[in-house]
């Protein structure tokens, strides 16, 4: 997305390379305009969701705790950096 926005590079000219150091394997991918648009939409939606939980966006002040729903799925909770807060 950055390449396209910054330099106007078309998706057909962008090559994505994933390199796994542990297994010493490389995988290459291409991306379409639609995938870039979908990703941009998901990012914007995620930002909007996070901002909606702020009482004061400019000062990063959250709304009351009751606006934050607790995730009960342990598979998701195990990866959360803030689970200690939920366990209080």
N, C-alpha and C. Protein backbone atom coordinates (compact mmCIF):
# COMPACT_ATOMS: atom_id res chain seq x y z
N UNK A 1 0.84 -1.18 0.00
CA UNK A 1 0.00 0.00 0.00
C UNK A 1 0.89 1.25 0.00
N UNK A 2 1.96 1.18 0.77
CA UNK A 2 2.83 2.35 0.85
C UNK A 2 3.44 2.65 -0.51
N UNK A 3 3.93 1.62 -1.20
CA UNK A 3 4.54 1.82 -2.52
C UNK A 3 3.55 2.45 -3.49
N UNK A 4 2.33 1.96 -3.43
CA UNK A 4 1.32 2.47 -4.35
C UNK A 4 0.99 3.93 -4.03
N UNK A 5 0.81 4.24 -2.76
CA UNK A 5 0.47 5.62 -2.37
C UNK A 5 1.65 6.57 -2.55
N UNK A 6 2.82 6.15 -2.17
CA UNK A 6 3.98 7.04 -2.17
C UNK A 6 4.52 7.28 -3.58
N UNK A 7 4.64 6.20 -4.33
CA UNK A 7 5.29 6.32 -5.64
C UNK A 7 4.39 5.97 -6.82
N UNK A 8 3.13 5.63 -6.57
CA UNK A 8 2.20 5.32 -7.64
C UNK A 8 2.50 4.00 -8.35
N UNK A 9 3.12 3.07 -7.67
CA UNK A 9 3.46 1.78 -8.27
C UNK A 9 2.21 0.90 -8.33
N UNK A 10 1.96 0.33 -9.48
CA UNK A 10 0.79 -0.53 -9.69
C UNK A 10 1.00 -1.88 -9.01
N UNK A 11 -0.08 -2.49 -8.51
CA UNK A 11 0.04 -3.79 -7.85
C UNK A 11 0.72 -4.85 -8.70
N UNK A 12 0.52 -4.82 -10.00
CA UNK A 12 1.15 -5.81 -10.87
C UNK A 12 2.67 -5.72 -10.83
N UNK A 13 3.19 -4.57 -10.42
CA UNK A 13 4.64 -4.38 -10.36
C UNK A 13 5.20 -4.55 -8.94
N UNK A 14 4.36 -5.00 -8.03
CA UNK A 14 4.80 -5.20 -6.65
C UNK A 14 4.95 -6.70 -6.41
N UNK A 15 6.09 -7.08 -5.90
CA UNK A 15 6.36 -8.48 -5.57
C UNK A 15 6.56 -8.58 -4.07
N UNK A 16 5.74 -9.39 -3.43
CA UNK A 16 5.84 -9.60 -1.99
C UNK A 16 6.70 -10.84 -1.74
N UNK A 17 7.67 -10.70 -0.86
CA UNK A 17 8.55 -11.82 -0.55
C UNK A 17 8.49 -12.07 0.95
N UNK A 18 8.15 -13.29 1.29
CA UNK A 18 8.13 -13.74 2.69
C UNK A 18 9.30 -14.69 2.87
N UNK A 19 10.14 -14.38 3.84
CA UNK A 19 11.30 -15.24 4.07
C UNK A 19 11.27 -15.73 5.50
N UNK A 20 11.27 -17.05 5.67
CA UNK A 20 11.25 -17.66 6.98
C UNK A 20 12.68 -18.04 7.35
N UNK A 21 13.25 -17.30 8.30
CA UNK A 21 14.63 -17.54 8.70
C UNK A 21 14.82 -18.90 9.36
N UNK A 22 13.84 -19.31 10.14
CA UNK A 22 13.94 -20.57 10.86
C UNK A 22 14.05 -21.77 9.91
N UNK A 23 13.22 -21.76 8.87
CA UNK A 23 13.23 -22.91 7.93
C UNK A 23 14.02 -22.62 6.66
N UNK A 24 14.56 -21.40 6.55
CA UNK A 24 15.34 -21.00 5.37
C UNK A 24 14.53 -21.19 4.08
N UNK A 25 13.26 -20.76 4.12
CA UNK A 25 12.39 -20.88 2.95
C UNK A 25 11.86 -19.52 2.54
N UNK A 26 11.73 -19.37 1.24
CA UNK A 26 11.23 -18.12 0.67
C UNK A 26 9.95 -18.41 -0.10
N UNK A 27 8.98 -17.50 0.03
CA UNK A 27 7.75 -17.61 -0.74
C UNK A 27 7.47 -16.23 -1.34
N UNK A 28 7.08 -16.23 -2.61
CA UNK A 28 6.79 -14.97 -3.30
C UNK A 28 5.31 -14.91 -3.66
N UNK A 29 4.76 -13.69 -3.59
CA UNK A 29 3.35 -13.49 -3.85
C UNK A 29 3.17 -12.24 -4.70
N UNK A 30 2.03 -12.18 -5.34
CA UNK A 30 1.61 -10.95 -6.01
C UNK A 30 0.35 -10.48 -5.30
N UNK A 31 -0.03 -9.25 -5.58
CA UNK A 31 -1.20 -8.67 -4.93
C UNK A 31 -2.03 -7.95 -5.98
N UNK A 32 -3.33 -7.93 -5.77
CA UNK A 32 -4.21 -7.25 -6.73
C UNK A 32 -4.69 -5.92 -6.15
N UNK A 33 -5.21 -5.10 -7.00
CA UNK A 33 -5.79 -3.82 -6.57
C UNK A 33 -6.90 -4.06 -5.55
N UNK A 34 -7.71 -5.08 -5.80
CA UNK A 34 -8.80 -5.42 -4.90
C UNK A 34 -8.30 -5.82 -3.51
N UNK A 35 -7.22 -6.57 -3.45
CA UNK A 35 -6.65 -6.97 -2.16
C UNK A 35 -6.12 -5.76 -1.40
N UNK A 36 -5.53 -4.82 -2.11
CA UNK A 36 -5.04 -3.59 -1.48
C UNK A 36 -6.23 -2.79 -0.94
N UNK A 37 -7.29 -2.67 -1.73
CA UNK A 37 -8.48 -1.95 -1.28
C UNK A 37 -9.11 -2.63 -0.07
N UNK A 38 -9.20 -3.98 -0.09
CA UNK A 38 -9.76 -4.71 1.04
C UNK A 38 -8.93 -4.51 2.31
N UNK A 39 -7.62 -4.56 2.16
CA UNK A 39 -6.73 -4.38 3.30
C UNK A 39 -6.85 -2.96 3.85
N UNK A 40 -6.90 -1.98 2.96
CA UNK A 40 -7.06 -0.59 3.38
C UNK A 40 -8.37 -0.41 4.15
N UNK A 41 -9.44 -1.01 3.65
CA UNK A 41 -10.74 -0.93 4.32
C UNK A 41 -10.71 -1.57 5.70
N UNK A 42 -10.04 -2.72 5.80
CA UNK A 42 -9.95 -3.41 7.10
C UNK A 42 -9.16 -2.57 8.09
N UNK A 43 -8.07 -1.96 7.64
CA UNK A 43 -7.27 -1.12 8.53
C UNK A 43 -8.09 0.08 8.99
N UNK A 44 -8.77 0.74 8.05
CA UNK A 44 -9.58 1.90 8.41
C UNK A 44 -10.70 1.52 9.37
N UNK A 45 -11.31 0.35 9.14
CA UNK A 45 -12.37 -0.13 10.04
C UNK A 45 -11.83 -0.42 11.43
N UNK A 46 -10.64 -1.02 11.49
CA UNK A 46 -10.03 -1.32 12.77
C UNK A 46 -9.70 -0.05 13.54
N UNK A 47 -9.17 0.94 12.84
CA UNK A 47 -8.86 2.22 13.47
C UNK A 47 -10.14 2.87 13.99
N UNK A 48 -11.18 2.84 13.19
CA UNK A 48 -12.46 3.42 13.61
C UNK A 48 -13.00 2.71 14.85
N UNK A 49 -12.88 1.38 14.87
CA UNK A 49 -13.34 0.61 16.03
C UNK A 49 -12.57 1.02 17.29
N UNK A 50 -11.26 1.15 17.16
CA UNK A 50 -10.44 1.52 18.31
C UNK A 50 -10.75 2.94 18.77
N UNK A 51 -10.90 3.84 17.82
CA UNK A 51 -11.21 5.23 18.17
C UNK A 51 -12.58 5.36 18.83
N UNK A 52 -13.50 4.48 18.46
CA UNK A 52 -14.84 4.54 19.04
C UNK A 52 -14.83 4.21 20.53
N UNK A 53 -13.76 3.61 21.01
CA UNK A 53 -13.64 3.27 22.42
C UNK A 53 -12.91 4.34 23.23
N UNK A 54 -12.63 5.46 22.57
CA UNK A 54 -11.96 6.56 23.27
C UNK A 54 -12.96 7.66 23.61
N UNK A 55 -12.87 8.12 24.82
CA UNK A 55 -13.67 9.25 25.27
C UNK A 55 -13.10 10.54 24.69
N UNK A 56 -11.77 10.61 24.68
CA UNK A 56 -11.05 11.77 24.15
C UNK A 56 -9.96 11.25 23.21
N UNK A 57 -10.22 11.33 21.91
CA UNK A 57 -9.30 10.80 20.91
C UNK A 57 -7.96 11.51 20.95
N UNK A 58 -7.97 12.83 21.03
CA UNK A 58 -6.73 13.60 20.99
C UNK A 58 -5.79 13.26 22.14
N UNK A 59 -6.35 12.95 23.29
CA UNK A 59 -5.53 12.65 24.47
C UNK A 59 -5.49 11.16 24.80
N UNK A 60 -6.05 10.34 23.92
CA UNK A 60 -6.03 8.88 24.06
C UNK A 60 -6.62 8.43 25.40
N UNK A 61 -7.75 9.01 25.76
CA UNK A 61 -8.42 8.66 27.01
C UNK A 61 -9.57 7.71 26.70
N UNK A 62 -9.52 6.50 27.27
CA UNK A 62 -10.56 5.50 26.95
C UNK A 62 -11.89 5.79 27.63
N UNK A 63 -12.92 5.20 27.05
CA UNK A 63 -14.24 5.22 27.68
C UNK A 63 -14.21 4.31 28.91
N UNK A 64 -15.30 4.30 29.64
CA UNK A 64 -15.42 3.47 30.82
C UNK A 64 -15.24 1.99 30.45
N UNK A 65 -14.79 1.22 31.41
CA UNK A 65 -14.52 -0.20 31.22
C UNK A 65 -15.71 -0.98 30.67
N UNK A 66 -16.92 -0.54 30.98
CA UNK A 66 -18.12 -1.27 30.53
C UNK A 66 -18.25 -1.29 29.00
N UNK A 67 -17.56 -0.40 28.29
CA UNK A 67 -17.61 -0.35 26.83
C UNK A 67 -16.69 -1.38 26.17
N UNK A 68 -15.85 -2.03 26.97
CA UNK A 68 -14.90 -3.00 26.45
C UNK A 68 -15.40 -4.40 26.77
N UNK A 69 -15.65 -5.18 25.72
CA UNK A 69 -16.17 -6.53 25.99
C UNK A 69 -15.00 -7.50 26.21
N UNK A 70 -15.23 -8.38 27.12
CA UNK A 70 -14.23 -9.41 27.45
C UNK A 70 -14.34 -10.54 26.44
N UNK A 71 -13.21 -10.97 25.95
CA UNK A 71 -13.15 -12.09 25.01
C UNK A 71 -13.03 -13.38 25.82
N UNK A 72 -13.95 -14.28 25.60
CA UNK A 72 -13.96 -15.54 26.36
C UNK A 72 -13.17 -16.65 25.67
N UNK A 73 -12.90 -16.50 24.39
CA UNK A 73 -12.19 -17.52 23.63
C UNK A 73 -10.71 -17.53 24.05
N UNK A 74 -10.29 -18.60 24.73
CA UNK A 74 -8.92 -18.69 25.24
C UNK A 74 -7.87 -18.65 24.13
N UNK A 75 -8.22 -19.11 22.94
CA UNK A 75 -7.25 -19.06 21.82
C UNK A 75 -6.91 -17.63 21.47
N UNK A 76 -7.87 -16.73 21.59
CA UNK A 76 -7.64 -15.31 21.32
C UNK A 76 -6.99 -14.67 22.54
N UNK A 77 -7.52 -14.96 23.72
CA UNK A 77 -6.99 -14.36 24.95
C UNK A 77 -5.53 -14.71 25.18
N UNK A 78 -5.12 -15.92 24.83
CA UNK A 78 -3.73 -16.33 25.05
C UNK A 78 -2.73 -15.49 24.28
N UNK A 79 -3.17 -14.87 23.21
CA UNK A 79 -2.29 -14.05 22.39
C UNK A 79 -2.36 -12.56 22.75
N UNK A 80 -3.24 -12.22 23.67
CA UNK A 80 -3.48 -10.81 24.00
C UNK A 80 -2.40 -10.27 24.94
N UNK A 81 -1.90 -9.09 24.63
CA UNK A 81 -0.90 -8.44 25.47
C UNK A 81 -1.50 -7.82 26.72
N UNK A 82 -2.82 -7.71 26.79
CA UNK A 82 -3.48 -7.01 27.88
C UNK A 82 -4.33 -7.92 28.76
N UNK A 83 -4.16 -9.23 28.65
CA UNK A 83 -5.02 -10.15 29.40
C UNK A 83 -4.88 -9.99 30.91
N UNK A 84 -3.75 -9.50 31.40
CA UNK A 84 -3.58 -9.30 32.84
C UNK A 84 -4.63 -8.30 33.35
N UNK A 85 -4.98 -7.35 32.53
CA UNK A 85 -5.99 -6.37 32.92
C UNK A 85 -7.34 -7.05 33.10
N UNK A 86 -7.68 -7.96 32.22
CA UNK A 86 -8.96 -8.68 32.30
C UNK A 86 -9.01 -9.59 33.50
N UNK A 87 -7.86 -10.10 33.90
CA UNK A 87 -7.82 -11.08 35.00
C UNK A 87 -7.82 -10.43 36.38
N UNK A 88 -7.83 -9.10 36.43
CA UNK A 88 -7.84 -8.41 37.72
C UNK A 88 -9.14 -8.63 38.45
